[in-house]
Amino acid sequence: EVKAIIRLHPREVSNYSVYQPYLDKLSNYEIYLDKGEELFSQISSCDVLVTSYSTVAKDAMILRKPIILQDYLGNDYTGLLSKGVGFNAADSESLRVYIKNLKEASIIIDDEKYTSSLKEVYASLDFNVAKKISRFLK
């Protein structure tokens, strides 16, 4: 019932061969090791994003996808838990329960919290990073 897409961090893209033998042992599960598909298309096709401390969660927010954070120590480094945007899976059992509850629609994302969190994130950006960098280089 579950297909997992594992997307490595960009700095790990040369390490696919390290992960594949372990994934091959999980023959009872449908697991796909991503090798560079376009991110937004991939997130759009997913039912839920499971991540840890990645900025990919902000991309999932834009696409209004449920986010499960694997924050085992409850540190909330992303701030998404305190904002009510993500669900915290501190272990494999809570991850299973969140996925089940999302599938059954017994929990849903809060669109207002997504919207306010995105406004907060993007309000601090002026989208002139390239211009600022070029000024520093002069």
C-alpha atoms as a PDB file:
ATOM      1  CA  GLU A   1       0.000   0.000   0.000  1.00  0.00           C
ATOM      2  CA  VAL A   2       2.945   2.329   0.509  1.00  0.00           C
ATOM      3  CA  LYS A   3       5.488   3.325  -2.091  1.00  0.00           C
ATOM      4  CA  ALA A   4       8.476   5.143  -0.663  1.00  0.00           C
ATOM      5  CA  ILE A   5      10.576   7.485  -2.747  1.00  0.00           C
ATOM      6  CA  ILE A   6      13.942   8.077  -1.153  1.00  0.00           C
ATOM      7  CA  ARG A   7      15.575  11.270  -2.309  1.00  0.00           C
ATOM      8  CA  LEU A   8      19.144  11.758  -1.220  1.00  0.00           C
ATOM      9  CA  HIS A   9      20.537  15.118  -0.218  1.00  0.00           C
ATOM     10  CA  PRO A  10      22.213  16.818  -3.213  1.00  0.00           C
ATOM     11  CA  ARG A  11      25.657  16.384  -1.681  1.00  0.00           C
ATOM     12  CA  GLU A  12      25.043  12.595  -1.567  1.00  0.00           C
ATOM     13  CA  VAL A  13      24.123  12.091  -5.224  1.00  0.00           C
ATOM     14  CA  SER A  14      27.397  10.337  -5.963  1.00  0.00           C
ATOM     15  CA  ASN A  15      26.666   7.785  -3.221  1.00  0.00           C
ATOM     16  CA  TYR A  16      23.679   5.940  -4.741  1.00  0.00           C
ATOM     17  CA  SER A  17      25.650   2.712  -4.853  1.00  0.00           C
ATOM     18  CA  VAL A  18      26.049   2.816  -1.066  1.00  0.00           C
ATOM     19  CA  TYR A  19      22.278   2.811  -0.474  1.00  0.00           C
ATOM     20  CA  GLN A  20      21.021   0.489  -3.220  1.00  0.00           C
ATOM     21  CA  PRO A  21      22.178  -2.852  -1.694  1.00  0.00           C
ATOM     22  CA  TYR A  22      20.286  -2.073   1.517  1.00  0.00           C
ATOM     23  CA  LEU A  23      17.158  -1.061  -0.357  1.00  0.00           C
ATOM     24  CA  ASP A  24      17.316  -4.243  -2.425  1.00  0.00           C
ATOM     25  CA  LYS A  25      16.927  -6.233   0.810  1.00  0.00           C
ATOM     26  CA  LEU A  26      13.534  -4.587   1.425  1.00  0.00           C
ATOM     27  CA  SER A  27      11.785  -6.697  -1.192  1.00  0.00           C
ATOM     28  CA  ASN A  28       8.452  -6.583   0.693  1.00  0.00           C
ATOM     29  CA  TYR A  29       8.225  -2.849   0.105  1.00  0.00           C
ATOM     30  CA  GLU A  30       8.001  -0.729  -3.000  1.00  0.00           C
ATOM     31  CA  ILE A  31      10.966   1.590  -2.650  1.00  0.00           C
ATOM     32  CA  TYR A  32      12.357   3.847  -5.325  1.00  0.00           C
ATOM     33  CA  LEU A  33      15.715   5.541  -4.942  1.00  0.00           C
ATOM     34  CA  ASP A  34      15.377   8.875  -6.717  1.00  0.00           C
ATOM     35  CA  LYS A  35      18.204   9.774  -9.020  1.00  0.00           C
ATOM     36  CA  GLY A  36      17.471  13.427  -9.651  1.00  0.00           C
ATOM     37  CA  GLU A  37      13.875  13.885 -10.743  1.00  0.00           C
ATOM     38  CA  GLU A  38      12.501  17.400 -10.693  1.00  0.00           C
ATOM     39  CA  LEU A  39      11.593  18.121  -7.076  1.00  0.00           C
ATOM     40  CA  PHE A  40       8.225  19.875  -7.412  1.00  0.00           C
ATOM     41  CA  SER A  41       6.839  17.194  -9.747  1.00  0.00           C
ATOM     42  CA  GLN A  42       7.945  14.535  -7.318  1.00  0.00           C
ATOM     43  CA  ILE A  43       6.409  16.242  -4.278  1.00  0.00           C
ATOM     44  CA  SER A  44       3.227  16.914  -6.229  1.00  0.00           C
ATOM     45  CA  SER A  45       2.822  13.185  -6.899  1.00  0.00           C
ATOM     46  CA  CYS A  46       3.282  12.255  -3.221  1.00  0.00           C
ATOM     47  CA  ASP A  47       0.610  11.924  -0.577  1.00  0.00           C
ATOM     48  CA  VAL A  48       2.903  12.929   2.282  1.00  0.00           C
ATOM     49  CA  LEU A  49       6.457  14.162   2.784  1.00  0.00           C
ATOM     50  CA  VAL A  50       8.571  12.487   5.464  1.00  0.00           C
ATOM     51  CA  THR A  51      11.739  14.446   6.198  1.00  0.00           C
ATOM     52  CA  SER A  52      14.014  15.534   8.992  1.00  0.00           C
ATOM     53  CA  TYR A  53      15.641  18.957   8.842  1.00  0.00           C
ATOM     54  CA  SER A  54      15.347  19.726   5.154  1.00  0.00           C
ATOM     55  CA  THR A  55      14.152  22.849   3.382  1.00  0.00           C
ATOM     56  CA  VAL A  56      12.164  20.495   1.134  1.00  0.00           C
ATOM     57  CA  ALA A  57       9.412  20.852   3.764  1.00  0.00           C
ATOM     58  CA  LYS A  58       8.869  24.428   2.592  1.00  0.00           C
ATOM     59  CA  ASP A  59       8.381  23.135  -0.945  1.00  0.00           C
ATOM     60  CA  ALA A  60       5.820  20.652   0.374  1.00  0.00           C
ATOM     61  CA  MET A  61       4.040  23.518   2.155  1.00  0.00           C
ATOM     62  CA  ILE A  62       3.725  25.419  -1.117  1.00  0.00           C
ATOM     63  CA  LEU A  63       2.098  22.339  -2.642  1.00  0.00           C
ATOM     64  CA  ARG A  64      -0.093  21.836   0.450  1.00  0.00           C
ATOM     65  CA  LYS A  65       1.239  18.372   1.254  1.00  0.00           C
ATOM     66  CA  PRO A  66       1.179  16.907   4.763  1.00  0.00           C
ATOM     67  CA  ILE A  67       4.601  16.932   6.405  1.00  0.00           C
ATOM     68  CA  ILE A  68       5.876  14.384   8.881  1.00  0.00           C
ATOM     69  CA  LEU A  69       9.117  15.369  10.552  1.00  0.00           C
ATOM     70  CA  GLN A  70      11.358  12.680  11.958  1.00  0.00           C
ATOM     71  CA  ASP A  71      12.514  14.737  14.909  1.00  0.00           C
ATOM     72  CA  TYR A  72      13.547  11.986  17.308  1.00  0.00           C
ATOM     73  CA  LEU A  73      14.667  14.350  20.065  1.00  0.00           C
ATOM     74  CA  GLY A  74      11.851  16.887  19.670  1.00  0.00           C
ATOM     75  CA  ASN A  75      14.252  19.766  18.977  1.00  0.00           C
ATOM     76  CA  ASP A  76      12.040  21.314  16.279  1.00  0.00           C
ATOM     77  CA  TYR A  77      14.983  22.872  14.444  1.00  0.00           C
ATOM     78  CA  THR A  78      12.724  23.666  11.492  1.00  0.00           C
ATOM     79  CA  GLY A  79      10.135  25.443  13.666  1.00  0.00           C
ATOM     80  CA  LEU A  80       7.391  23.631  11.767  1.00  0.00           C
ATOM     81  CA  LEU A  81       6.184  21.664  14.786  1.00  0.00           C
ATOM     82  CA  SER A  82       5.690  24.749  16.959  1.00  0.00           C
ATOM     83  CA  LYS A  83       3.871  26.426  14.057  1.00  0.00           C
ATOM     84  CA  GLY A  84       1.516  23.435  13.776  1.00  0.00           C
ATOM     85  CA  VAL A  85       2.608  22.698  10.216  1.00  0.00           C
ATOM     86  CA  GLY A  86       4.308  19.323  10.704  1.00  0.00           C
ATOM     87  CA  PHE A  87       3.541  16.166  12.603  1.00  0.00           C
ATOM     88  CA  ASN A  88       6.395  14.754  14.679  1.00  0.00           C
ATOM     89  CA  ALA A  89       7.270  11.079  14.260  1.00  0.00           C
ATOM     90  CA  ALA A  90       9.699  10.361  17.067  1.00  0.00           C
ATOM     91  CA  ASP A  91       9.890   6.656  16.183  1.00  0.00           C
ATOM     92  CA  SER A  92       8.773   4.151  13.552  1.00  0.00           C
ATOM     93  CA  GLU A  93       5.478   3.398  15.286  1.00  0.00           C
ATOM     94  CA  SER A  94       4.400   7.038  15.408  1.00  0.00           C
ATOM     95  CA  LEU A  95       5.428   7.369  11.753  1.00  0.00           C
ATOM     96  CA  ARG A  96       3.185   4.404  10.890  1.00  0.00           C
ATOM     97  CA  VAL A  97       0.284   5.901  12.847  1.00  0.00           C
ATOM     98  CA  TYR A  98       0.601   9.334  11.197  1.00  0.00           C
ATOM     99  CA  ILE A  99       0.702   7.806   7.722  1.00  0.00           C
ATOM    100  CA  LYS A 100      -2.341   5.659   8.556  1.00  0.00           C
ATOM    101  CA  ASN A 101      -4.244   8.647   9.969  1.00  0.00           C
ATOM    102  CA  LEU A 102      -3.406  10.820   6.973  1.00  0.00           C
ATOM    103  CA  LYS A 103      -4.524   8.051   4.632  1.00  0.00           C
ATOM    104  CA  GLU A 104      -7.820   7.714   6.515  1.00  0.00           C
ATOM    105  CA  ALA A 105      -8.178  11.527   6.667  1.00  0.00           C
ATOM    106  CA  SER A 106      -8.591  11.412  10.440  1.00  0.00           C
ATOM    107  CA  ILE A 107      -5.975  14.164  10.590  1.00  0.00           C
ATOM    108  CA  ILE A 108      -5.602  16.878   7.994  1.00  0.00           C
ATOM    109  CA  ILE A 109      -3.271  19.771   7.361  1.00  0.00           C
ATOM    110  CA  ASP A 110      -4.280  23.208   8.585  1.00  0.00           C
ATOM    111  CA  ASP A 111      -4.269  25.436   5.501  1.00  0.00           C
ATOM    112  CA  GLU A 112      -4.228  28.654   7.570  1.00  0.00           C
ATOM    113  CA  LYS A 113      -1.097  27.536   9.415  1.00  0.00           C
ATOM    114  CA  TYR A 114       0.607  26.654   6.124  1.00  0.00           C
ATOM    115  CA  THR A 115      -0.292  30.045   4.655  1.00  0.00           C
ATOM    116  CA  SER A 116       0.893  32.044   7.679  1.00  0.00           C
ATOM    117  CA  SER A 117       4.113  30.022   7.937  1.00  0.00           C
ATOM    118  CA  LEU A 118       4.876  30.520   4.250  1.00  0.00           C
ATOM    119  CA  LYS A 119       4.228  34.256   4.542  1.00  0.00           C
ATOM    120  CA  GLU A 120       6.624  34.395   7.469  1.00  0.00           C
ATOM    121  CA  VAL A 121       9.317  32.483   5.568  1.00  0.00           C
ATOM    122  CA  TYR A 122       9.042  34.449   2.354  1.00  0.00           C
ATOM    123  CA  ALA A 123       8.519  37.841   3.991  1.00  0.00           C
ATOM    124  CA  SER A 124      12.139  37.695   5.122  1.00  0.00           C
ATOM    125  CA  LEU A 125      13.353  37.161   1.551  1.00  0.00           C
ATOM    126  CA  ASP A 126      13.784  39.991  -0.891  1.00  0.00           C
ATOM    127  CA  PHE A 127      14.744  37.756  -3.853  1.00  0.00           C
ATOM    128  CA  ASN A 128      17.767  39.931  -4.644  1.00  0.00           C
ATOM    129  CA  VAL A 129      20.403  37.502  -3.433  1.00  0.00           C
ATOM    130  CA  ALA A 130      22.313  37.413  -6.734  1.00  0.00           C
ATOM    131  CA  LYS A 131      22.536  41.216  -6.821  1.00  0.00           C
ATOM    132  CA  LYS A 132      23.802  41.338  -3.237  1.00  0.00           C
ATOM    133  CA  ILE A 133      26.436  38.690  -3.911  1.00  0.00           C
ATOM    134  CA  SER A 134      27.680  40.544  -6.995  1.00  0.00           C
ATOM    135  CA  ARG A 135      28.010  43.724  -4.901  1.00  0.00           C
ATOM    136  CA  PHE A 136      30.094  41.869  -2.301  1.00  0.00           C
ATOM    137  CA  LEU A 137      32.380  40.590  -5.042  1.00  0.00           C
ATOM    138  CA  LYS A 138      33.153  44.069  -6.405  1.00  0.00           C
END
